[in-house]
Amino acid sequence: MIKKKYLPLGSIVLLEGATKRIMIAGYFVKSDDKIYDYCGCLYPEGFLSSDSCLLFNHDQIKKVYYFGYSDNEDKEFKDRLKDFVNGVK
């Protein structure tokens, strides 16, 4: 499924079935031959260890608590990311 819009880095979300919020820290992560839309860390704890990156997809997000910072540089990056994702998926 191709996403039309990615949330900005720093956005705080709650995933379906979860009780703890996640801060988005990256995009388009590959793990075990599966590609995820986002990687993140627990909020407010942050990355507690090198293996504490949480991988999830946009359709798993139940609620957005905070919309991260976005400017022209971010928008340009997202345009390139969408082109890249469309070529891979």
PDB file of N, CA and C in Angstrom:
ATOM      1  N   MET A   1       0.844  -1.189   0.000  1.00  0.00           N
ATOM      2  CA  MET A   1       0.000   0.000   0.000  1.00  0.00           C
ATOM      3  C   MET A   1       0.884   1.247   0.000  1.00  0.00           C
ATOM      4  N   ILE A   2       0.703   2.119  -0.946  1.00  0.00           N
ATOM      5  CA  ILE A   2       1.524   3.316  -1.077  1.00  0.00           C
ATOM      6  C   ILE A   2       0.879   4.450  -0.282  1.00  0.00           C
ATOM      7  N   LYS A   3       1.668   5.061   0.556  1.00  0.00           N
ATOM      8  CA  LYS A   3       1.173   6.158   1.385  1.00  0.00           C
ATOM      9  C   LYS A   3       1.256   7.473   0.622  1.00  0.00           C
ATOM     10  N   LYS A   4       0.236   8.261   0.725  1.00  0.00           N
ATOM     11  CA  LYS A   4       0.230   9.569   0.081  1.00  0.00           C
ATOM     12  C   LYS A   4       0.946  10.598   0.947  1.00  0.00           C
ATOM     13  N   LYS A   5       0.939  10.419   2.265  1.00  0.00           N
ATOM     14  CA  LYS A   5       1.544  11.401   3.143  1.00  0.00           C
ATOM     15  C   LYS A   5       2.114  10.712   4.383  1.00  0.00           C
ATOM     16  N   TYR A   6       3.378  10.983   4.648  1.00  0.00           N
ATOM     17  CA  TYR A   6       4.027  10.473   5.849  1.00  0.00           C
ATOM     18  C   TYR A   6       3.970  11.535   6.932  1.00  0.00           C
ATOM     19  N   LEU A   7       3.817  11.129   8.173  1.00  0.00           N
ATOM     20  CA  LEU A   7       3.866  12.072   9.288  1.00  0.00           C
ATOM     21  C   LEU A   7       5.298  12.558   9.479  1.00  0.00           C
ATOM     22  N   PRO A   8       5.481  13.785   9.947  1.00  0.00           N
ATOM     23  CA  PRO A   8       6.837  14.302  10.161  1.00  0.00           C
ATOM     24  C   PRO A   8       7.555  13.601  11.310  1.00  0.00           C
ATOM     25  N   LEU A   9       8.882  13.620  11.245  1.00  0.00           N
ATOM     26  CA  LEU A   9       9.681  13.138  12.362  1.00  0.00           C
ATOM     27  C   LEU A   9       9.278  13.903  13.613  1.00  0.00           C
ATOM     28  N   GLY A  10       9.309  13.213  14.735  1.00  0.00           N
ATOM     29  CA  GLY A  10       8.934  13.835  15.993  1.00  0.00           C
ATOM     30  C   GLY A  10       7.458  13.733  16.316  1.00  0.00           C
ATOM     31  N   SER A  11       6.649  13.275  15.352  1.00  0.00           N
ATOM     32  CA  SER A  11       5.225  13.105  15.627  1.00  0.00           C
ATOM     33  C   SER A  11       5.041  12.032  16.700  1.00  0.00           C
ATOM     34  N   ILE A  12       4.059  12.246  17.555  1.00  0.00           N
ATOM     35  CA  ILE A  12       3.770  11.307  18.640  1.00  0.00           C
ATOM     36  C   ILE A  12       2.462  10.615  18.303  1.00  0.00           C
ATOM     37  N   VAL A  13       2.480   9.264  18.283  1.00  0.00           N
ATOM     38  CA  VAL A  13       1.305   8.489  17.889  1.00  0.00           C
ATOM     39  C   VAL A  13       1.026   7.366  18.884  1.00  0.00           C
ATOM     40  N   LEU A  14      -0.198   6.885  18.830  1.00  0.00           N
ATOM     41  CA  LEU A  14      -0.585   5.691  19.571  1.00  0.00           C
ATOM     42  C   LEU A  14      -0.999   4.652  18.548  1.00  0.00           C
ATOM     43  N   LEU A  15      -0.471   3.445  18.678  1.00  0.00           N
ATOM     44  CA  LEU A  15      -0.792   2.377  17.741  1.00  0.00           C
ATOM     45  C   LEU A  15      -2.011   1.600  18.221  1.00  0.00           C
ATOM     46  N   GLU A  16      -2.701   0.984  17.281  1.00  0.00           N
ATOM     47  CA  GLU A  16      -3.844   0.135  17.611  1.00  0.00           C
ATOM     48  C   GLU A  16      -3.422  -0.921  18.640  1.00  0.00           C
ATOM     49  N   GLY A  17      -4.213  -1.089  19.688  1.00  0.00           N
ATOM     50  CA  GLY A  17      -3.955  -2.112  20.702  1.00  0.00           C
ATOM     51  C   GLY A  17      -2.847  -1.768  21.680  1.00  0.00           C
ATOM     52  N   ALA A  18      -2.273  -0.583  21.572  1.00  0.00           N
ATOM     53  CA  ALA A  18      -1.163  -0.188  22.452  1.00  0.00           C
ATOM     54  C   ALA A  18      -1.656   0.746  23.548  1.00  0.00           C
ATOM     55  N   THR A  19      -0.855   0.842  24.606  1.00  0.00           N
ATOM     56  CA  THR A  19      -1.153   1.780  25.686  1.00  0.00           C
ATOM     57  C   THR A  19      -0.062   2.833  25.819  1.00  0.00           C
ATOM     58  N   LYS A  20       1.057   2.625  25.155  1.00  0.00           N
ATOM     59  CA  LYS A  20       2.211   3.518  25.238  1.00  0.00           C
ATOM     60  C   LYS A  20       2.369   4.248  23.909  1.00  0.00           C
ATOM     61  N   ARG A  21       2.662   5.543  23.970  1.00  0.00           N
ATOM     62  CA  ARG A  21       2.837   6.339  22.752  1.00  0.00           C
ATOM     63  C   ARG A  21       4.233   6.147  22.158  1.00  0.00           C
ATOM     64  N   ILE A  22       4.326   6.421  20.859  1.00  0.00           N
ATOM     65  CA  ILE A  22       5.554   6.253  20.084  1.00  0.00           C
ATOM     66  C   ILE A  22       5.906   7.582  19.417  1.00  0.00           C
ATOM     67  N   MET A  23       7.199   7.916  19.389  1.00  0.00           N
ATOM     68  CA  MET A  23       7.669   9.077  18.641  1.00  0.00           C
ATOM     69  C   MET A  23       8.299   8.589  17.336  1.00  0.00           C
ATOM     70  N   ILE A  24       7.848   9.121  16.221  1.00  0.00           N
ATOM     71  CA  ILE A  24       8.380   8.725  14.918  1.00  0.00           C
ATOM     72  C   ILE A  24       9.800   9.276  14.763  1.00  0.00           C
ATOM     73  N   ALA A  25      10.731   8.364  14.396  1.00  0.00           N
ATOM     74  CA  ALA A  25      12.140   8.742  14.288  1.00  0.00           C
ATOM     75  C   ALA A  25      12.739   8.436  12.918  1.00  0.00           C
ATOM     76  N   GLY A  26      12.002   7.739  12.055  1.00  0.00           N
ATOM     77  CA  GLY A  26      12.537   7.413  10.744  1.00  0.00           C
ATOM     78  C   GLY A  26      11.478   6.803   9.845  1.00  0.00           C
ATOM     79  N   TYR A  27      11.868   6.598   8.580  1.00  0.00           N
ATOM     80  CA  TYR A  27      10.940   6.122   7.556  1.00  0.00           C
ATOM     81  C   TYR A  27      11.512   4.935   6.793  1.00  0.00           C
ATOM     82  N   PHE A  28      10.596   4.146   6.238  1.00  0.00           N
ATOM     83  CA  PHE A  28      10.903   3.138   5.232  1.00  0.00           C
ATOM     84  C   PHE A  28      12.056   2.230   5.670  1.00  0.00           C
ATOM     85  N   VAL A  29      11.804   1.472   6.734  1.00  0.00           N
ATOM     86  CA  VAL A  29      12.820   0.616   7.330  1.00  0.00           C
ATOM     87  C   VAL A  29      12.582  -0.828   6.908  1.00  0.00           C
ATOM     88  N   LYS A  30      13.653  -1.495   6.494  1.00  0.00           N
ATOM     89  CA  LYS A  30      13.560  -2.898   6.091  1.00  0.00           C
ATOM     90  C   LYS A  30      14.078  -3.777   7.216  1.00  0.00           C
ATOM     91  N   SER A  31      13.291  -4.809   7.543  1.00  0.00           N
ATOM     92  CA  SER A  31      13.680  -5.776   8.562  1.00  0.00           C
ATOM     93  C   SER A  31      13.121  -7.132   8.167  1.00  0.00           C
ATOM     94  N   ASP A  32      13.992  -8.134   8.120  1.00  0.00           N
ATOM     95  CA  ASP A  32      13.568  -9.495   7.759  1.00  0.00           C
ATOM     96  C   ASP A  32      12.749  -9.517   6.475  1.00  0.00           C
ATOM     97  N   ASP A  33      13.231  -8.844   5.446  1.00  0.00           N
ATOM     98  CA  ASP A  33      12.603  -8.802   4.127  1.00  0.00           C
ATOM     99  C   ASP A  33      11.217  -8.161   4.108  1.00  0.00           C
ATOM    100  N   LYS A  34      10.860  -7.439   5.171  1.00  0.00           N
ATOM    101  CA  LYS A  34       9.608  -6.689   5.200  1.00  0.00           C
ATOM    102  C   LYS A  34       9.949  -5.210   5.338  1.00  0.00           C
ATOM    103  N   ILE A  35       9.191  -4.371   4.648  1.00  0.00           N
ATOM    104  CA  ILE A  35       9.429  -2.936   4.700  1.00  0.00           C
ATOM    105  C   ILE A  35       8.315  -2.281   5.521  1.00  0.00           C
ATOM    106  N   TYR A  36       8.735  -1.449   6.463  1.00  0.00           N
ATOM    107  CA  TYR A  36       7.802  -0.736   7.331  1.00  0.00           C
ATOM    108  C   TYR A  36       7.814   0.752   6.980  1.00  0.00           C
ATOM    109  N   ASP A  37       6.682   1.399   7.175  1.00  0.00           N
ATOM    110  CA  ASP A  37       6.568   2.825   6.888  1.00  0.00           C
ATOM    111  C   ASP A  37       7.396   3.666   7.860  1.00  0.00           C
ATOM    112  N   TYR A  38       7.422   3.273   9.115  1.00  0.00           N
ATOM    113  CA  TYR A  38       8.052   4.082  10.160  1.00  0.00           C
ATOM    114  C   TYR A  38       8.894   3.240  11.119  1.00  0.00           C
ATOM    115  N   CYS A  39       9.835   3.915  11.752  1.00  0.00           N
ATOM    116  CA  CYS A  39      10.467   3.380  12.954  1.00  0.00           C
ATOM    117  C   CYS A  39      10.315   4.450  14.024  1.00  0.00           C
ATOM    118  N   GLY A  40      10.278   4.032  15.256  1.00  0.00           N
ATOM    119  CA  GLY A  40      10.094   4.991  16.332  1.00  0.00           C
ATOM    120  C   GLY A  40      10.600   4.455  17.643  1.00  0.00           C
ATOM    121  N   CYS A  41      10.421   5.265  18.669  1.00  0.00           N
ATOM    122  CA  CYS A  41      10.840   4.890  20.010  1.00  0.00           C
ATOM    123  C   CYS A  41       9.728   5.257  20.987  1.00  0.00           C
ATOM    124  N   LEU A  42       9.799   4.660  22.158  1.00  0.00           N
ATOM    125  CA  LEU A  42       8.813   4.958  23.184  1.00  0.00           C
ATOM    126  C   LEU A  42       8.891   6.430  23.565  1.00  0.00           C
ATOM    127  N   TYR A  43       7.736   6.999  23.814  1.00  0.00           N
ATOM    128  CA  TYR A  43       7.676   8.385  24.274  1.00  0.00           C
ATOM    129  C   TYR A  43       7.199   8.383  25.716  1.00  0.00           C
ATOM    130  N   PRO A  44       7.864   9.030  26.640  1.00  0.00           N
ATOM    131  CA  PRO A  44       8.946   9.994  26.496  1.00  0.00           C
ATOM    132  C   PRO A  44      10.336   9.411  26.693  1.00  0.00           C
ATOM    133  N   GLU A  45      10.462   8.102  26.807  1.00  0.00           N
ATOM    134  CA  GLU A  45      11.735   7.484  27.143  1.00  0.00           C
ATOM    135  C   GLU A  45      12.798   7.638  26.063  1.00  0.00           C
ATOM    136  N   GLY A  46      12.407   7.573  24.797  1.00  0.00           N
ATOM    137  CA  GLY A  46      13.376   7.625  23.706  1.00  0.00           C
ATOM    138  C   GLY A  46      14.012   6.265  23.477  1.00  0.00           C
ATOM    139  N   PHE A  47      15.106   6.240  22.731  1.00  0.00           N
ATOM    140  CA  PHE A  47      15.817   4.993  22.454  1.00  0.00           C
ATOM    141  C   PHE A  47      16.594   4.572  23.698  1.00  0.00           C
ATOM    142  N   LEU A  48      16.224   3.445  24.256  1.00  0.00           N
ATOM    143  CA  LEU A  48      16.869   2.953  25.467  1.00  0.00           C
ATOM    144  C   LEU A  48      18.034   2.026  25.167  1.00  0.00           C
ATOM    145  N   SER A  49      18.021   1.421  23.986  1.00  0.00           N
ATOM    146  CA  SER A  49      19.118   0.557  23.557  1.00  0.00           C
ATOM    147  C   SER A  49      19.077   0.462  22.039  1.00  0.00           C
ATOM    148  N   SER A  50      20.131  -0.103  21.459  1.00  0.00           N
ATOM    149  CA  SER A  50      20.203  -0.169  20.002  1.00  0.00           C
ATOM    150  C   SER A  50      19.136  -1.074  19.392  1.00  0.00           C
ATOM    151  N   ASP A  51      18.542  -1.956  20.170  1.00  0.00           N
ATOM    152  CA  ASP A  51      17.510  -2.852  19.645  1.00  0.00           C
ATOM    153  C   ASP A  51      16.097  -2.428  20.066  1.00  0.00           C
ATOM    154  N   SER A  52      15.931  -1.172  20.483  1.00  0.00           N
ATOM    155  CA  SER A  52      14.617  -0.721  20.942  1.00  0.00           C
ATOM    156  C   SER A  52      13.837   0.067  19.886  1.00  0.00           C
ATOM    157  N   CYS A  53      14.238  -0.037  18.628  1.00  0.00           N
ATOM    158  CA  CYS A  53      13.517   0.627  17.544  1.00  0.00           C
ATOM    159  C   CYS A  53      12.228  -0.145  17.265  1.00  0.00           C
ATOM    160  N   LEU A  54      11.113   0.561  17.257  1.00  0.00           N
ATOM    161  CA  LEU A  54       9.815  -0.051  16.995  1.00  0.00           C
ATOM    162  C   LEU A  54       9.440   0.194  15.540  1.00  0.00           C
ATOM    163  N   LEU A  55       9.056  -0.845  14.825  1.00  0.00           N
ATOM    164  CA  LEU A  55       8.709  -0.747  13.410  1.00  0.00           C
ATOM    165  C   LEU A  55       7.205  -0.890  13.254  1.00  0.00           C
ATOM    166  N   PHE A  56       6.611  -0.001  12.441  1.00  0.00           N
ATOM    167  CA  PHE A  56       5.159  -0.065  12.261  1.00  0.00           C
ATOM    168  C   PHE A  56       4.763   0.610  10.955  1.00  0.00           C
ATOM    169  N   ASN A  57       3.525   0.360  10.556  1.00  0.00           N
ATOM    170  CA  ASN A  57       2.985   0.920   9.325  1.00  0.00           C
ATOM    171  C   ASN A  57       1.912   1.961   9.628  1.00  0.00           C
ATOM    172  N   HIS A  58       1.658   2.815   8.643  1.00  0.00           N
ATOM    173  CA  HIS A  58       0.716   3.916   8.816  1.00  0.00           C
ATOM    174  C   HIS A  58      -0.669   3.427   9.249  1.00  0.00           C
ATOM    175  N   ASP A  59      -1.101   2.299   8.698  1.00  0.00           N
ATOM    176  CA  ASP A  59      -2.447   1.810   9.018  1.00  0.00           C
ATOM    177  C   ASP A  59      -2.572   1.270  10.440  1.00  0.00           C
ATOM    178  N   GLN A  60      -1.471   1.169  11.176  1.00  0.00           N
ATOM    179  CA  GLN A  60      -1.504   0.736  12.571  1.00  0.00           C
ATOM    180  C   GLN A  60      -1.698   1.905  13.535  1.00  0.00           C
ATOM    181  N   ILE A  61      -1.615   3.128  13.023  1.00  0.00           N
ATOM    182  CA  ILE A  61      -1.741   4.304  13.879  1.00  0.00           C
ATOM    183  C   ILE A  61      -3.209   4.534  14.213  1.00  0.00           C
ATOM    184  N   LYS A  62      -3.488   4.550  15.509  1.00  0.00           N
ATOM    185  CA  LYS A  62      -4.849   4.782  15.987  1.00  0.00           C
ATOM    186  C   LYS A  62      -5.118   6.272  16.197  1.00  0.00           C
ATOM    187  N   LYS A  63      -4.120   6.978  16.757  1.00  0.00           N
ATOM    188  CA  LYS A  63      -4.315   8.389  17.095  1.00  0.00           C
ATOM    189  C   LYS A  63      -2.996   9.142  16.976  1.00  0.00           C
ATOM    190  N   VAL A  64      -3.052  10.365  16.484  1.00  0.00           N
ATOM    191  CA  VAL A  64      -1.882  11.242  16.433  1.00  0.00           C
ATOM    192  C   VAL A  64      -2.035  12.268  17.556  1.00  0.00           C
ATOM    193  N   TYR A  65      -1.083  12.251  18.515  1.00  0.00           N
ATOM    194  CA  TYR A  65      -1.111  13.185  19.640  1.00  0.00           C
ATOM    195  C   TYR A  65      -0.398  14.493  19.313  1.00  0.00           C
ATOM    196  N   TYR A  66       0.639  14.401  18.502  1.00  0.00           N
ATOM    197  CA  TYR A  66       1.434  15.580  18.184  1.00  0.00           C
ATOM    198  C   TYR A  66       1.950  15.443  16.763  1.00  0.00           C
ATOM    199  N   PHE A  67       1.801  16.481  15.990  1.00  0.00           N
ATOM    200  CA  PHE A  67       2.268  16.520  14.613  1.00  0.00           C
ATOM    201  C   PHE A  67       3.640  17.184  14.617  1.00  0.00           C
ATOM    202  N   GLY A  68       4.690  16.457  14.222  1.00  0.00           N
ATOM    203  CA  GLY A  68       6.062  16.953  14.263  1.00  0.00           C
ATOM    204  C   GLY A  68       6.319  18.127  13.332  1.00  0.00           C
ATOM    205  N   TYR A  69       7.482  18.698  13.457  1.00  0.00           N
ATOM    206  CA  TYR A  69       7.889  19.879  12.685  1.00  0.00           C
ATOM    207  C   TYR A  69       8.033  19.542  11.207  1.00  0.00           C
ATOM    208  N   SER A  70       7.537  20.422  10.373  1.00  0.00           N
ATOM    209  CA  SER A  70       7.652  20.247   8.928  1.00  0.00           C
ATOM    210  C   SER A  70       7.927  21.605   8.277  1.00  0.00           C
ATOM    211  N   ASP A  71       8.898  21.638   7.369  1.00  0.00           N
ATOM    212  CA  ASP A  71       9.217  22.852   6.617  1.00  0.00           C
ATOM    213  C   ASP A  71       9.431  22.464   5.159  1.00  0.00           C
ATOM    214  N   ASN A  72       9.951  23.378   4.358  1.00  0.00           N
ATOM    215  CA  ASN A  72      10.158  23.088   2.927  1.00  0.00           C
ATOM    216  C   ASN A  72      11.143  21.946   2.709  1.00  0.00           C
ATOM    217  N   GLU A  73      12.197  21.888   3.526  1.00  0.00           N
ATOM    218  CA  GLU A  73      13.172  20.798   3.395  1.00  0.00           C
ATOM    219  C   GLU A  73      12.502  19.453   3.650  1.00  0.00           C
ATOM    220  N   ASP A  74      11.652  19.392   4.666  1.00  0.00           N
ATOM    221  CA  ASP A  74      10.915  18.166   4.974  1.00  0.00           C
ATOM    222  C   ASP A  74       9.990  17.794   3.819  1.00  0.00           C
ATOM    223  N   LYS A  75       9.296  18.768   3.275  1.00  0.00           N
ATOM    224  CA  LYS A  75       8.370  18.502   2.166  1.00  0.00           C
ATOM    225  C   LYS A  75       9.122  17.990   0.935  1.00  0.00           C
ATOM    226  N   GLU A  76      10.272  18.572   0.638  1.00  0.00           N
ATOM    227  CA  GLU A  76      11.080  18.094  -0.484  1.00  0.00           C
ATOM    228  C   GLU A  76      11.554  16.664  -0.252  1.00  0.00           C
ATOM    229  N   PHE A  77      11.975  16.372   0.974  1.00  0.00           N
ATOM    230  CA  PHE A  77      12.400  15.010   1.310  1.00  0.00           C
ATOM    231  C   PHE A  77      11.241  14.038   1.139  1.00  0.00           C
ATOM    232  N   LYS A  78      10.056  14.414   1.599  1.00  0.00           N
ATOM    233  CA  LYS A  78       8.889  13.524   1.496  1.00  0.00           C
ATOM    234  C   LYS A  78       8.532  13.260   0.038  1.00  0.00           C
ATOM    235  N   ASP A  79       8.688  14.268  -0.816  1.00  0.00           N
ATOM    236  CA  ASP A  79       8.440  14.055  -2.248  1.00  0.00           C
ATOM    237  C   ASP A  79       9.411  13.018  -2.814  1.00  0.00           C
ATOM    238  N   ARG A  80      10.689  13.124  -2.451  1.00  0.00           N
ATOM    239  CA  ARG A  80      11.688  12.143  -2.916  1.00  0.00           C
ATOM    240  C   ARG A  80      11.406  10.765  -2.313  1.00  0.00           C
ATOM    241  N   LEU A  81      10.986  10.737  -1.046  1.00  0.00           N
ATOM    242  CA  LEU A  81      10.660   9.472  -0.388  1.00  0.00           C
ATOM    243  C   LEU A  81       9.493   8.793  -1.086  1.00  0.00           C
ATOM    244  N   LYS A  82       8.451   9.548  -1.409  1.00  0.00           N
ATOM    245  CA  LYS A  82       7.297   8.969  -2.109  1.00  0.00           C
ATOM    246  C   LYS A  82       7.702   8.394  -3.460  1.00  0.00           C
ATOM    247  N   ASP A  83       8.550   9.131  -4.209  1.00  0.00           N
ATOM    248  CA  ASP A  83       9.029   8.617  -5.496  1.00  0.00           C
ATOM    249  C   ASP A  83       9.813   7.327  -5.305  1.00  0.00           C
ATOM    250  N   PHE A  84      10.668   7.289  -4.298  1.00  0.00           N
ATOM    251  CA  PHE A  84      11.456   6.095  -4.019  1.00  0.00           C
ATOM    252  C   PHE A  84      10.563   4.915  -3.633  1.00  0.00           C
ATOM    253  N   VAL A  85       9.613   5.157  -2.728  1.00  0.00           N
ATOM    254  CA  VAL A  85       8.714   4.095  -2.276  1.00  0.00           C
ATOM    255  C   VAL A  85       7.883   3.580  -3.436  1.00  0.00           C
ATOM    256  N   ASN A  86       7.387   4.462  -4.282  1.00  0.00           N
ATOM    257  CA  ASN A  86       6.582   4.037  -5.429  1.00  0.00           C
ATOM    258  C   ASN A  86       7.394   3.152  -6.373  1.00  0.00           C
ATOM    259  N   GLY A  87       8.695   3.378  -6.451  1.00  0.00           N
ATOM    260  CA  GLY A  87       9.546   2.559  -7.308  1.00  0.00           C
ATOM    261  C   GLY A  87       9.902   1.213  -6.711  1.00  0.00           C
ATOM    262  N   VAL A  88       9.803   1.088  -5.379  1.00  0.00           N
ATOM    263  CA  VAL A  88      10.196  -0.144  -4.696  1.00  0.00           C
ATOM    264  C   VAL A  88       9.023  -1.073  -4.487  1.00  0.00           C
ATOM    265  N   LYS A  89       7.877  -0.518  -4.090  1.00  0.00           N
ATOM    266  CA  LYS A  89       6.729  -1.378  -3.743  1.00  0.00           C
ATOM    267  C   LYS A  89       5.975  -1.807  -4.968  1.00  0.00           C
TER     268      LYS A  89
END
